[in-house]
Each structure stands twice: as C-alpha cells, then as structure tokens.
Amino acid sequence: MSLSDLLTNAQSNTVSLDDPKWFQFVLDHLDYIKARSTVFAIDAPLMNLYRYDLRRFLKVYMKRHEDIGGIVQLLNGIKNDFEFAEPRNLIIPEDSLITKLYHSYVTVNANAS
C-alpha cells in the first residue's frame, strides 16, 4: 500500500473492520478502547425501537458513525445482530477515539512500509 493509498483511506475515515490488519490493530487495542469508552444503558422501550439493528441504534440514536458497529460488537461480545435484542449496558466509544486510533494505525503502516 502506497503512502497515497494510506492518506486516501485516512481521509475517507473508514473504520469498519474489513481490513484484516486494522481488525488486528483494534484487537490489540481493545483494552485501551474499553478504558476510554462510556457505558450506556439501553432500557426495554429503547431496545424495542432498535432490536436486531445495532448500527442503526448507533447512527440514529447515539449519533455515532455506523462503521464503529463492529468495534462495539467486539467490546460487548455481540456476535451478530440477533444478539442485540435484550435491554443491556453497552460499552460505546466516541467516534473521535476510533478516528484517532485509525490515524495511529495508518501512521504505523506508513512507517512500516
């Protein structure tokens, strides 16, 4: 991956876990993310609105980028959308935290090349 590619990816601010290296970087920093995230309690009426659709909950209700859905799943041990069905406490990072982490990842990869 060239420096130009890395900068283009950083500017697009994609934080989905499609890239295996980014996925591993997130796994390596999961404790860091968890320590800097907030816990949000989802009650039954709210869950009824967003049941089985974590990404829509993050985007519409929490006003977060829906691409952090995969990271939220990792933080909370949610394997798929069907497990987002009962009232619970969710660990949710700020978009800015994930963006900073992604920029660190891009920098590490640029320096490794």
Protein backbone atom coordinates (compact mmCIF):
# COMPACT_ATOMS: atom_id res chain seq x y z
CA MET A 1 0.00 0.00 0.00
CA SER A 2 1.48 3.34 -1.02
CA LEU A 3 1.54 6.49 1.08
CA SER A 4 -1.05 7.94 -1.27
CA ASP A 5 -3.37 4.99 -0.58
CA LEU A 6 -2.89 5.34 3.16
CA LEU A 7 -3.71 9.05 3.07
CA THR A 8 -6.77 8.43 0.93
CA ASN A 9 -8.01 5.81 3.41
CA ALA A 10 -7.35 8.13 6.34
CA GLN A 11 -9.29 10.94 4.69
CA SER A 12 -12.26 8.71 3.96
CA ASN A 13 -12.30 7.90 7.70
CA THR A 14 -13.40 4.32 7.19
CA VAL A 15 -13.25 2.47 10.47
CA SER A 16 -15.09 -0.70 9.51
CA LEU A 17 -13.25 -3.90 10.29
CA ASP A 18 -12.96 -5.10 6.68
CA ASP A 19 -9.17 -4.69 6.60
CA PRO A 20 -7.56 -7.65 8.44
CA LYS A 21 -4.60 -5.53 9.62
CA TRP A 22 -6.93 -2.84 11.00
CA PHE A 23 -9.01 -5.57 12.67
CA GLN A 24 -5.89 -6.93 14.38
CA PHE A 25 -4.85 -3.42 15.40
CA VAL A 26 -8.28 -2.93 17.02
CA LEU A 27 -7.99 -6.28 18.81
CA ASP A 28 -4.55 -5.30 20.09
CA HIS A 29 -6.00 -2.04 21.46
CA LEU A 30 -9.35 -3.33 22.73
CA ASP A 31 -8.48 -2.72 26.40
CA TYR A 32 -7.36 0.83 25.51
CA ILE A 33 -10.66 1.48 23.70
CA LYS A 34 -12.72 -0.05 26.51
CA ALA A 35 -10.98 2.06 29.17
CA ARG A 36 -11.79 5.25 27.27
CA SER A 37 -15.38 4.41 26.32
CA THR A 38 -18.64 5.10 28.11
CA VAL A 39 -21.25 2.62 29.26
CA PHE A 40 -24.76 3.31 28.00
CA ALA A 41 -27.81 1.56 29.47
CA ILE A 42 -30.43 0.50 26.94
CA ASP A 43 -33.84 0.01 28.54
CA ALA A 44 -36.71 -2.09 27.16
CA PRO A 45 -38.58 0.72 25.32
CA LEU A 46 -35.39 1.86 23.59
CA MET A 47 -34.43 -1.71 22.70
CA ASN A 48 -37.87 -2.22 21.16
CA LEU A 49 -37.07 0.57 18.70
CA TYR A 50 -33.66 -0.78 17.66
CA ARG A 51 -33.85 -4.52 18.31
CA TYR A 52 -31.57 -6.51 15.95
CA ASP A 53 -30.09 -3.33 14.43
CA LEU A 54 -27.06 -2.15 16.39
CA ARG A 55 -25.73 0.02 13.57
CA ARG A 56 -29.00 1.92 13.23
CA PHE A 57 -29.03 2.44 17.01
CA LEU A 58 -25.50 3.84 16.86
CA LYS A 59 -26.21 6.07 13.87
CA VAL A 60 -29.71 7.35 14.68
CA TYR A 61 -29.93 7.35 18.46
CA MET A 62 -26.31 7.75 19.55
CA LYS A 63 -25.31 9.96 16.57
CA ARG A 64 -22.17 7.89 16.02
CA HIS A 65 -20.67 6.66 12.80
CA GLU A 66 -22.31 3.34 11.96
CA ASP A 67 -18.95 1.82 10.99
CA ILE A 68 -17.98 1.63 14.67
CA GLY A 69 -20.63 -1.09 14.96
CA GLY A 70 -18.05 -3.84 14.56
CA ILE A 71 -15.91 -2.35 17.30
CA VAL A 72 -18.94 -2.01 19.59
CA GLN A 73 -19.73 -5.66 18.92
CA LEU A 74 -16.19 -6.66 19.92
CA LEU A 75 -16.30 -4.55 23.08
CA ASN A 76 -19.59 -6.08 24.17
CA GLY A 77 -19.23 -9.68 23.00
CA ILE A 78 -22.07 -9.34 20.49
CA LYS A 79 -21.56 -11.90 17.72
CA ASN A 80 -24.33 -10.76 15.35
CA ASP A 81 -27.39 -8.52 15.09
CA PHE A 82 -29.64 -11.20 16.55
CA GLU A 83 -27.80 -10.86 19.86
CA PHE A 84 -28.71 -7.17 20.04
CA ALA A 85 -32.17 -7.96 21.32
CA GLU A 86 -32.40 -7.53 25.10
CA PRO A 87 -32.01 -4.46 27.35
CA ARG A 88 -28.37 -4.21 28.39
CA ASN A 89 -25.43 -1.98 29.12
CA LEU A 90 -23.30 -1.22 26.06
CA ILE A 91 -19.72 -0.03 26.01
CA ILE A 92 -19.61 2.61 23.27
CA PRO A 93 -16.51 4.58 22.21
CA GLU A 94 -16.62 8.11 20.86
CA ASP A 95 -16.11 8.46 17.12
CA SER A 96 -13.11 10.70 17.80
CA LEU A 97 -11.35 7.96 19.80
CA ILE A 98 -11.73 5.47 16.95
CA THR A 99 -10.68 8.08 14.38
CA LYS A 100 -7.50 8.84 16.37
CA LEU A 101 -6.79 5.13 16.70
CA TYR A 102 -7.29 4.69 12.95
CA HIS A 103 -4.86 7.53 12.22
CA SER A 104 -2.33 5.84 14.51
CA TYR A 105 -2.86 2.61 12.56
CA VAL A 106 -2.29 4.43 9.26
CA THR A 107 0.86 6.04 10.62
CA VAL A 108 2.23 2.71 11.88
CA ASN A 109 1.55 1.11 8.49
CA ALA A 110 3.14 4.01 6.63
CA ASN A 111 6.27 3.78 8.76
CA ALA A 112 6.43 0.01 8.32
CA SER A 113 6.44 0.25 4.52
